[in-house]
Protein backbone atom coordinates (compact mmCIF):
# COMPACT_ATOMS: atom_id res chain seq x y z
CA MET A 1 0.00 0.00 0.00
CA SER A 2 1.18 3.53 -0.63
CA LEU A 3 -0.51 5.10 2.41
CA HIS A 4 2.36 4.75 4.84
CA ARG A 5 1.51 7.30 7.53
CA ILE A 6 -1.61 8.80 9.10
CA VAL A 7 -1.37 11.89 11.29
CA LEU A 8 -4.38 12.38 13.57
CA ALA A 9 -4.57 15.90 15.03
CA ARG A 10 -7.00 17.21 17.63
CA HIS A 11 -8.57 20.64 17.25
CA GLY A 12 -7.53 23.74 19.20
CA ARG A 13 -9.13 24.86 22.45
CA THR A 14 -12.67 26.17 22.70
CA THR A 15 -14.27 28.14 25.52
CA TRP A 16 -16.03 24.95 26.56
CA ASN A 17 -12.73 23.09 26.72
CA ALA A 18 -11.51 25.81 29.07
CA GLU A 19 -14.66 25.36 31.19
CA SER A 20 -14.39 21.53 31.09
CA ARG A 21 -17.81 21.27 29.46
CA MET A 22 -18.70 18.23 27.39
CA GLN A 23 -19.05 19.28 23.77
CA GLY A 24 -19.91 16.20 21.76
CA ARG A 25 -21.98 17.24 18.75
CA LEU A 26 -22.48 20.79 20.00
CA ASP A 27 -20.32 23.18 18.05
CA PRO A 28 -18.47 25.94 19.92
CA ASP A 29 -15.76 27.70 17.93
CA LEU A 30 -12.09 28.02 18.85
CA ASP A 31 -11.32 30.63 21.46
CA ASP A 32 -8.35 33.00 21.20
CA LEU A 33 -5.97 30.44 22.66
CA GLY A 34 -7.38 27.74 20.37
CA ARG A 35 -6.74 29.86 17.30
CA ALA A 36 -3.20 30.52 18.50
CA GLN A 37 -2.68 26.79 19.06
CA ALA A 38 -3.87 26.02 15.54
CA LEU A 39 -1.56 28.63 14.03
CA ALA A 40 1.38 27.27 16.04
CA ALA A 41 0.70 23.63 15.18
CA ALA A 42 0.01 24.18 11.49
CA PRO A 43 3.60 24.69 10.24
CA VAL A 44 4.80 21.71 12.29
CA LEU A 45 2.04 19.47 10.94
CA ALA A 46 2.82 20.65 7.41
CA THR A 47 6.33 19.18 7.74
CA TYR A 48 4.77 15.72 7.48
CA GLU A 49 4.02 16.68 3.84
CA PRO A 50 0.50 15.23 3.73
CA THR A 51 -0.98 14.28 0.38
CA LEU A 52 -4.56 14.53 1.65
CA LEU A 53 -6.21 16.43 4.50
CA VAL A 54 -9.64 15.47 5.80
CA ALA A 55 -11.38 16.98 8.81
CA SER A 56 -14.50 16.76 10.90
CA ASP A 57 -17.00 19.33 9.68
CA GLN A 58 -17.59 20.60 13.23
CA VAL A 59 -16.37 24.18 13.41
CA ARG A 60 -13.62 23.67 16.01
CA ALA A 61 -11.96 20.96 13.91
CA TRP A 62 -12.62 22.68 10.61
CA ARG A 63 -11.01 25.97 11.73
CA THR A 64 -7.96 24.01 12.88
CA ALA A 65 -7.82 22.15 9.57
CA GLU A 66 -7.98 25.42 7.63
CA ALA A 67 -4.82 26.62 9.40
CA VAL A 68 -3.03 23.37 8.58
CA ALA A 69 -4.26 23.39 4.99
CA LYS A 70 -2.86 26.87 4.40
CA GLU A 71 0.60 25.80 5.56
CA ALA A 72 0.47 22.48 3.69
CA GLU A 73 -0.98 24.06 0.53
CA LEU A 74 -3.90 21.63 0.49
CA VAL A 75 -7.66 21.92 0.17
CA PRO A 76 -9.24 20.30 3.25
CA ARG A 77 -12.17 17.93 2.83
CA PRO A 78 -15.10 17.95 5.29
CA GLU A 79 -15.97 14.51 6.62
CA PRO A 80 -19.03 14.13 8.88
CA ARG A 81 -17.99 10.63 9.95
CA LEU A 82 -15.09 12.22 11.86
CA ARG A 83 -17.37 14.20 14.18
CA GLU A 84 -16.91 13.92 17.92
CA THR A 85 -18.66 11.29 20.02
CA ALA A 86 -22.32 12.15 20.47
CA LEU A 87 -22.80 12.55 24.22
CA GLY A 88 -26.58 12.79 24.27
CA GLU A 89 -27.96 14.22 27.49
CA TRP A 90 -24.47 15.06 28.76
CA GLU A 91 -23.66 17.65 26.12
CA GLY A 92 -23.06 21.10 27.59
CA LEU A 93 -22.55 19.77 31.12
CA THR A 94 -19.46 19.77 33.31
CA GLY A 95 -18.08 16.60 34.88
CA PRO A 96 -19.58 17.37 38.32
CA GLU A 97 -22.97 18.03 36.70
CA VAL A 98 -22.83 14.69 34.89
CA GLU A 99 -21.82 12.88 38.07
CA ALA A 100 -24.67 14.48 39.98
CA GLY A 101 -27.22 13.35 37.42
CA TRP A 102 -25.70 9.97 36.52
CA PRO A 103 -23.60 8.69 39.43
CA GLY A 104 -20.87 6.39 38.17
CA GLY A 105 -21.60 7.24 34.55
CA LEU A 106 -18.34 9.05 33.88
CA GLU A 107 -16.28 6.14 35.16
CA ALA A 108 -18.25 3.69 33.02
CA TRP A 109 -17.81 5.89 29.95
CA ARG A 110 -14.08 6.33 30.50
CA THR A 111 -13.30 2.66 31.10
CA ASP A 112 -15.76 0.76 28.88
CA PRO A 113 -15.59 1.59 25.14
CA ALA A 114 -18.88 -0.21 24.55
CA TRP A 115 -20.77 1.94 27.08
CA ALA A 116 -22.70 4.97 25.81
CA PRO A 117 -24.03 8.04 27.64
CA PRO A 118 -27.84 8.36 27.63
CA GLY A 119 -28.87 9.25 24.10
CA GLY A 120 -25.26 9.18 22.89
CA GLU A 121 -22.64 6.94 21.27
CA SER A 122 -20.10 4.53 22.64
CA ARG A 123 -16.49 4.69 21.47
CA VAL A 124 -17.12 1.43 19.62
CA ASP A 125 -19.91 3.22 17.73
CA VAL A 126 -17.50 6.03 16.88
CA ALA A 127 -14.88 3.62 15.56
CA ARG A 128 -17.49 1.82 13.48
CA ARG A 129 -18.37 5.01 11.59
CA ALA A 130 -14.89 6.58 11.46
CA VAL A 131 -12.54 3.68 10.57
CA PRO A 132 -13.97 3.38 7.02
CA VAL A 133 -12.68 6.92 6.38
CA LEU A 134 -9.12 5.67 6.86
CA ASP A 135 -9.80 2.64 4.67
CA GLU A 136 -11.06 4.90 1.91
CA LEU A 137 -7.98 7.12 2.16
CA ALA A 138 -5.79 4.04 1.79
CA ASP A 139 -7.77 2.97 -1.29
CA GLU A 140 -7.47 6.44 -2.79
CA LEU A 141 -3.71 6.50 -2.39
CA ALA A 142 -3.13 2.89 -3.46
CA GLY A 143 -1.11 2.08 -6.54
CA SER A 144 1.92 4.28 -5.94
CA ASP A 145 5.34 3.07 -4.90
CA GLU A 146 5.91 6.23 -2.91
CA HIS A 147 5.12 6.34 0.81
CA GLN A 148 2.40 8.92 1.35
CA THR A 149 0.84 10.64 4.36
CA ALA A 150 -2.80 11.40 5.06
CA MET A 151 -3.74 13.93 7.72
CA VAL A 152 -6.93 13.86 9.77
CA VAL A 153 -8.11 16.75 11.97
CA ALA A 154 -10.79 15.65 14.39
CA HIS A 155 -11.62 15.31 18.10
CA GLY A 156 -10.10 13.63 21.11
CA GLY A 157 -12.70 10.90 21.48
CA THR A 158 -12.79 10.18 17.76
CA ILE A 159 -9.00 10.00 17.48
CA GLY A 160 -8.77 7.68 20.48
CA ALA A 161 -11.38 5.33 19.04
CA LEU A 162 -9.79 5.40 15.59
CA THR A 163 -6.34 4.67 16.99
CA ALA A 164 -7.30 1.80 19.29
CA SER A 165 -9.53 0.19 16.67
CA THR A 166 -7.00 0.53 13.84
CA LEU A 167 -4.30 -1.02 16.01
CA GLY A 168 -6.59 -3.92 16.87
CA TRP A 169 -6.43 -3.38 20.62
CA PRO A 170 -8.81 -5.34 22.86
CA LEU A 171 -11.59 -3.22 24.30
CA ASP A 172 -10.22 -3.37 27.83
CA ALA A 173 -7.02 -1.63 26.62
CA TRP A 174 -8.66 1.31 24.86
CA HIS A 175 -8.79 3.48 27.98
CA SER A 176 -5.00 3.20 28.41
CA LEU A 177 -4.50 5.95 25.81
CA GLN A 178 -3.90 9.27 27.54
CA PRO A 179 -6.41 11.87 26.25
CA LEU A 180 -4.84 14.20 23.69
CA HIS A 181 -4.39 17.84 24.60
CA ASN A 182 -5.83 20.48 22.28
CA CYS A 183 -3.81 20.64 19.04
CA ALA A 184 -1.78 17.55 19.95
CA TRP A 185 -1.52 14.69 17.48
CA ALA A 186 -0.79 11.01 16.98
CA VAL A 187 1.14 9.28 14.20
CA LEU A 188 0.34 5.82 12.82
CA GLU A 189 2.72 4.13 10.39
CA HIS A 190 2.18 1.02 8.30
CA ARG A 191 5.00 -1.46 8.80
CA ILE A 192 5.17 -4.83 7.01
CA ASP A 193 1.62 -6.07 7.60
CA ARG A 194 -0.12 -3.74 10.06
CA TRP A 195 -0.58 -0.26 11.43
CA ARG A 196 1.64 0.64 14.37
CA LEU A 197 1.60 3.56 16.79
CA ARG A 198 4.64 5.69 16.03
CA ALA A 199 3.85 8.62 18.34
CA TRP A 200 1.13 9.87 20.65
CA GLY A 201 0.58 13.30 22.19
CA LEU A 202 3.01 15.28 20.05
CA GLY A 203 2.56 19.03 19.93
CA ALA A 204 4.02 22.30 18.74
């Protein structure tokens, strides 16, 4: 295969990130720090020389992708399947508010990838819809002898689910990935017969 490397970057900070509010499918924009993070990360991410750039169409990811695209001289593609985990009734709430309404729910959500918040998605659900995006990128770049890089700009939960699923980890190991900071990224590389985790939590 010619798709040799996938870079998975999280979006910059939003006001809700700063307030520790659960965003999910709600769509706050980057705040001033988030925009600065995107501008700082963009030239570093461009050094991976991506051939393709796809991004969640949620505004916080899309604004981050636009900064990267400008540096990498690419046209970003919106991809709804890369949206953040739908958190249902938890969206807009802080951790203490969730714990007050659903005691033990946060712990279940953090440790069990098959568990979903009320009205929301599990991480397994997220992987099921998002992994085909990576497969399609590999198909698109197939047929070349050159090693190529695809870049994905998305969300922390989505990137975690994509990474653990693509690496074939058992479900009870998924929660061992440290959550990515805003504008941090992971690198997957294809070696011999499988995808391998090259780096996790890199940043500008």
